[in-house]
Amino acid sequence: MNAPAAVLFDMDGTLVDTEVLWWEATEATAERLGHRLGPADAPEVVGRAVPDTAAHLVRVAGRGEPAQVAAELTEGFFRRVAAGAPLRPGAQRLLTALEAEGIPFALVSASPRVVVDEVVGGALAHVPFAFTLSADDTVRTKPHPEPYRAAAARLGLAPASCVAVEDSPDGAASAEAAGCALLVVPSLLDVPRSALRTFAASLEEVTPELLRGMSAAGPAAQADRTSSSRMPSA
C-alpha cells in the first residue's frame, strides 16, 4: 500500500490537550456575561472557532458585543495556553514516526494565529510541520471545508490524497466535506459516525501503517473499518 501523500492534523484536542483550557476560558467569559456554561453549550464551544463561540455567548446571555467577547475569549485562551499545553497521549510518537518515514504533515487549526504560534513555539516546538494554518488564514474556518482544501492546495495535492486527523464534530465535518480521508480521535465530544470515518480511541493506537491503509482504501473498505471500530466516549 502507498503512504498517504500528507497528514493534516487538527491542533486543539487532537495533538495538544487544550480543549479543557478553551472550555475554562469560555466559562470565565460566560460567567462575566451572566451565563452559567453547561453541557447544552458544549456543541457551540468545543471545536468551534472563536467568533462562533462569541456569537453563542452573546445570544444566550442576551448581552455583550461579539467582537469584544471574541477578543476576551482569545486573550483568556492564550493566557492559559501560554501557561502550558501538554501533548495528547501518543502525539509525539506518531509525529516522530511520520517524520522518520518521510511523510509530510501540516497543522490545520480553527484557533487564531496568536494561539497556534504559541502552541507551535511551546508544546509543539521542534515538530517539523510543513506549515501551520490558523483560523486567520482562510476566509471561512471549520466546519467549512475551506481550511482543509487550502491546506491540500498549499501542498500541491488533492484533498483525497491526504489523511486528516480530527477530534471534534466540526473538524470532522470540515475534513470530510473537503474530501480528505478522515481519522477521528474524539476528545470532549462524541463525533457522529459516517461511512467514510475511521475511529481510534487514542493517538497511541495510530501508526503510519493505519494511515497508509486509510489512504489506500476506497469508501467500501473505509465503511468496513468504521463499522468494526470502537467508538470511545468523550
Protein backbone atom coordinates (compact mmCIF):
# COMPACT_ATOMS: atom_id res chain seq x y z
CA MET A 1 0.00 0.00 0.00
CA ASN A 2 1.13 3.54 -0.68
CA ALA A 3 1.75 6.01 2.11
CA PRO A 4 -0.61 8.99 2.31
CA ALA A 5 0.75 11.98 0.40
CA ALA A 6 0.37 14.04 3.60
CA VAL A 7 -1.29 14.02 7.01
CA LEU A 8 -3.24 17.09 8.13
CA PHE A 9 -3.57 17.40 11.91
CA ASP A 10 -6.05 19.42 13.89
CA MET A 11 -4.40 21.03 16.91
CA ASP A 12 -6.71 21.59 19.90
CA GLY A 13 -7.82 18.31 21.44
CA THR A 14 -6.01 16.30 18.78
CA LEU A 15 -2.29 16.98 19.21
CA VAL A 16 -2.43 19.13 22.34
CA ASP A 17 -4.72 18.90 25.35
CA THR A 18 -6.15 22.41 25.02
CA GLU A 19 -9.89 21.78 24.72
CA VAL A 20 -10.19 21.92 28.52
CA LEU A 21 -8.32 25.24 28.51
CA TRP A 22 -10.68 26.60 25.86
CA TRP A 23 -13.66 25.49 27.95
CA GLU A 24 -12.21 27.23 31.01
CA ALA A 25 -11.67 30.46 29.07
CA THR A 26 -15.21 30.30 27.69
CA GLU A 27 -16.63 29.51 31.13
CA ALA A 28 -14.97 32.59 32.62
CA THR A 29 -16.29 34.87 29.87
CA ALA A 30 -19.76 33.34 30.10
CA GLU A 31 -19.80 33.95 33.85
CA ARG A 32 -18.89 37.61 33.32
CA LEU A 33 -21.83 37.88 30.93
CA GLY A 34 -24.15 36.30 33.48
CA HIS A 35 -24.44 32.88 31.83
CA ARG A 36 -23.53 29.60 33.52
CA LEU A 37 -21.84 27.37 30.95
CA GLY A 38 -23.18 23.81 30.86
CA PRO A 39 -23.45 20.66 28.74
CA ALA A 40 -26.02 22.26 26.43
CA ASP A 41 -23.38 24.81 25.40
CA ALA A 42 -20.75 22.21 24.51
CA PRO A 43 -21.62 21.88 20.79
CA GLU A 44 -21.19 25.67 20.45
CA VAL A 45 -17.87 25.70 22.31
CA VAL A 46 -15.85 22.52 21.74
CA GLY A 47 -14.07 22.57 18.39
CA ARG A 48 -15.70 25.86 17.41
CA ALA A 49 -13.94 28.96 16.12
CA VAL A 50 -13.70 31.97 18.43
CA PRO A 51 -16.29 34.11 16.56
CA ASP A 52 -18.80 31.24 16.63
CA THR A 53 -18.45 30.76 20.38
CA ALA A 54 -18.55 34.51 20.98
CA ALA A 55 -21.78 34.79 18.98
CA HIS A 56 -23.25 31.92 21.00
CA LEU A 57 -22.39 33.55 24.33
CA VAL A 58 -23.87 36.88 23.27
CA ARG A 59 -27.01 35.09 22.13
CA VAL A 60 -27.57 33.01 25.29
CA ALA A 61 -26.53 35.77 27.69
CA GLY A 62 -28.56 38.42 25.91
CA ARG A 63 -25.76 40.93 26.30
CA GLY A 64 -22.27 41.77 25.05
CA GLU A 65 -20.75 42.73 21.72
CA PRO A 66 -19.47 39.81 19.61
CA ALA A 67 -16.11 41.34 18.66
CA GLN A 68 -15.35 42.32 22.26
CA VAL A 69 -16.38 38.90 23.56
CA ALA A 70 -14.24 37.22 20.88
CA ALA A 71 -11.24 39.31 21.94
CA GLU A 72 -11.80 38.36 25.58
CA LEU A 73 -12.06 34.67 24.68
CA THR A 74 -8.85 34.81 22.64
CA GLU A 75 -6.95 36.56 25.42
CA GLY A 76 -8.18 34.15 28.06
CA PHE A 77 -7.38 31.11 25.95
CA PHE A 78 -3.95 32.46 25.01
CA ARG A 79 -3.08 33.11 28.65
CA ARG A 80 -3.95 29.54 29.60
CA VAL A 81 -2.12 28.03 26.62
CA ALA A 82 0.98 30.09 27.41
CA ALA A 83 0.99 28.61 30.92
CA GLY A 84 1.31 25.11 29.43
CA ALA A 85 -0.47 22.91 26.91
CA PRO A 86 0.54 19.23 27.21
CA LEU A 87 0.62 16.92 24.22
CA ARG A 88 -2.11 14.33 23.81
CA PRO A 89 -1.01 10.73 24.52
CA GLY A 90 0.75 9.23 21.52
CA ALA A 91 1.13 12.52 19.65
CA GLN A 92 4.93 12.80 19.83
CA ARG A 93 5.44 9.15 18.91
CA LEU A 94 3.19 9.43 15.86
CA LEU A 95 4.77 12.67 14.65
CA THR A 96 8.25 11.17 15.04
CA ALA A 97 7.21 8.05 13.12
CA LEU A 98 5.77 10.10 10.25
CA GLU A 99 8.95 12.17 10.08
CA ALA A 100 11.06 9.00 10.01
CA GLU A 101 9.03 7.67 7.07
CA GLY A 102 9.27 10.93 5.17
CA ILE A 103 5.52 11.58 5.22
CA PRO A 104 4.86 15.34 5.33
CA PHE A 105 2.37 16.69 7.82
CA ALA A 106 0.79 20.07 8.48
CA LEU A 107 -1.34 21.70 11.15
CA VAL A 108 -4.88 22.83 10.29
CA SER A 109 -6.45 24.66 13.23
CA ALA A 110 -9.58 26.69 13.92
CA SER A 111 -7.69 28.63 16.60
CA PRO A 112 -6.44 32.18 15.97
CA ARG A 113 -2.90 32.64 14.67
CA VAL A 114 -1.68 34.00 18.01
CA VAL A 115 -2.74 30.80 19.78
CA VAL A 116 -1.37 28.50 17.05
CA ASP A 117 2.00 30.24 17.17
CA GLU A 118 2.12 29.99 20.96
CA VAL A 119 1.46 26.23 20.88
CA VAL A 120 3.84 25.59 17.99
CA GLY A 121 6.51 27.57 19.80
CA GLY A 122 5.85 25.71 23.06
CA ALA A 123 4.35 22.23 23.28
CA LEU A 124 4.98 21.55 19.59
CA ALA A 125 8.38 23.21 19.37
CA HIS A 126 10.80 21.45 17.00
CA VAL A 127 7.99 19.49 15.29
CA PRO A 128 8.74 19.83 11.55
CA PHE A 129 5.32 20.82 10.23
CA ALA A 130 5.30 21.62 6.53
CA PHE A 131 3.26 24.67 7.58
CA THR A 132 0.58 25.71 10.04
CA LEU A 133 -2.82 27.05 9.05
CA SER A 134 -4.94 29.03 11.52
CA ALA A 135 -8.46 30.44 11.50
CA ASP A 136 -6.95 33.74 10.34
CA ASP A 137 -5.53 32.19 7.18
CA THR A 138 -8.79 31.40 5.38
CA VAL A 139 -11.99 33.35 4.81
CA ARG A 140 -14.05 30.59 6.42
CA THR A 141 -12.90 28.15 9.07
CA LYS A 142 -14.21 24.82 10.35
CA PRO A 143 -16.81 23.34 9.89
CA HIS A 144 -16.49 24.77 6.37
CA PRO A 145 -14.20 22.65 4.14
CA GLU A 146 -12.05 25.63 3.12
CA PRO A 147 -9.24 25.05 5.69
CA TYR A 148 -8.57 21.50 4.51
CA ARG A 149 -8.93 22.41 0.86
CA ALA A 150 -6.48 25.27 1.37
CA ALA A 151 -4.01 23.02 3.20
CA ALA A 152 -4.08 20.39 0.45
CA ALA A 153 -3.66 23.06 -2.23
CA ARG A 154 -0.68 24.53 -0.39
CA LEU A 155 0.93 21.09 -0.54
CA GLY A 156 0.06 20.80 -4.23
CA LEU A 157 -2.20 17.83 -3.52
CA ALA A 158 -5.81 16.81 -3.95
CA PRO A 159 -7.61 16.55 -0.59
CA ALA A 160 -8.30 12.87 -1.33
CA SER A 161 -4.53 12.27 -1.19
CA CYS A 162 -4.42 13.49 2.42
CA VAL A 163 -5.47 11.94 5.72
CA ALA A 164 -6.97 14.40 8.21
CA VAL A 165 -6.82 13.68 11.95
CA GLU A 166 -9.58 15.36 13.99
CA ASP A 167 -11.24 15.19 17.41
CA SER A 168 -14.44 17.25 17.12
CA PRO A 169 -17.69 17.16 15.14
CA ASP A 170 -16.96 20.47 13.39
CA GLY A 171 -13.42 19.46 12.49
CA ALA A 172 -14.57 16.09 11.20
CA ALA A 173 -17.26 17.76 9.10
CA SER A 174 -14.70 20.16 7.63
CA ALA A 175 -12.24 17.45 6.63
CA GLU A 176 -14.90 15.11 5.29
CA ALA A 177 -16.54 17.86 3.21
CA ALA A 178 -13.13 18.75 1.77
CA GLY A 179 -12.70 15.16 0.57
CA CYS A 180 -9.91 14.03 2.89
CA ALA A 181 -9.66 10.53 4.32
CA LEU A 182 -10.60 11.05 7.95
CA LEU A 183 -9.34 9.59 11.22
CA VAL A 184 -11.33 10.68 14.28
CA VAL A 185 -9.81 10.55 17.77
CA PRO A 186 -12.57 12.13 19.93
CA SER A 187 -11.71 14.20 22.98
CA LEU A 188 -14.54 16.02 24.79
CA LEU A 189 -17.46 15.43 22.40
CA ASP A 190 -18.76 12.33 20.69
CA VAL A 191 -18.33 12.54 16.92
CA PRO A 192 -21.07 11.12 14.67
CA ARG A 193 -20.20 8.09 12.61
CA SER A 194 -20.24 8.05 8.84
CA ALA A 195 -19.20 5.50 6.23
CA LEU A 196 -16.00 7.42 5.50
CA ARG A 197 -14.81 7.95 9.08
CA THR A 198 -12.31 5.76 10.88
CA PHE A 199 -12.14 5.99 14.68
CA ALA A 200 -9.37 5.44 17.23
CA ALA A 201 -9.66 5.81 20.99
CA SER A 202 -6.24 7.50 21.26
CA LEU A 203 -3.31 8.56 19.11
CA GLU A 204 -1.45 5.80 20.94
CA GLU A 205 -3.34 3.40 18.65
CA VAL A 206 -2.41 5.29 15.47
CA THR A 207 0.55 4.25 13.33
CA PRO A 208 1.82 5.17 9.87
CA GLU A 209 0.55 1.73 8.82
CA LEU A 210 -3.01 2.63 9.86
CA LEU A 211 -2.80 5.92 7.94
CA ARG A 212 -1.28 4.10 4.98
CA GLY A 213 -4.23 1.72 4.92
CA MET A 214 -6.68 4.59 5.04
CA SER A 215 -5.09 6.37 2.12
CA ALA A 216 -5.14 3.22 0.02
CA ALA A 217 -8.72 2.22 0.87
CA GLY A 218 -11.81 3.10 -1.06
CA PRO A 219 -15.18 4.00 0.50
CA ALA A 220 -16.22 0.37 0.94
CA ALA A 221 -13.08 -0.51 2.87
CA GLN A 222 -13.42 2.63 4.95
CA ALA A 223 -17.01 1.67 5.78
CA ASP A 224 -15.98 -1.83 6.82
CA ARG A 225 -13.29 -0.48 9.11
CA THR A 226 -15.59 2.15 10.65
CA SER A 227 -18.35 -0.35 11.38
CA SER A 228 -15.94 -2.62 13.21
CA SER A 229 -14.10 0.08 15.13
CA ARG A 230 -14.88 1.06 18.72
CA MET A 231 -16.36 4.48 19.34
CA PRO A 232 -14.83 5.86 22.54
CA SER A 233 -16.80 8.03 24.89
CA ALA A 234 -15.78 11.65 25.18
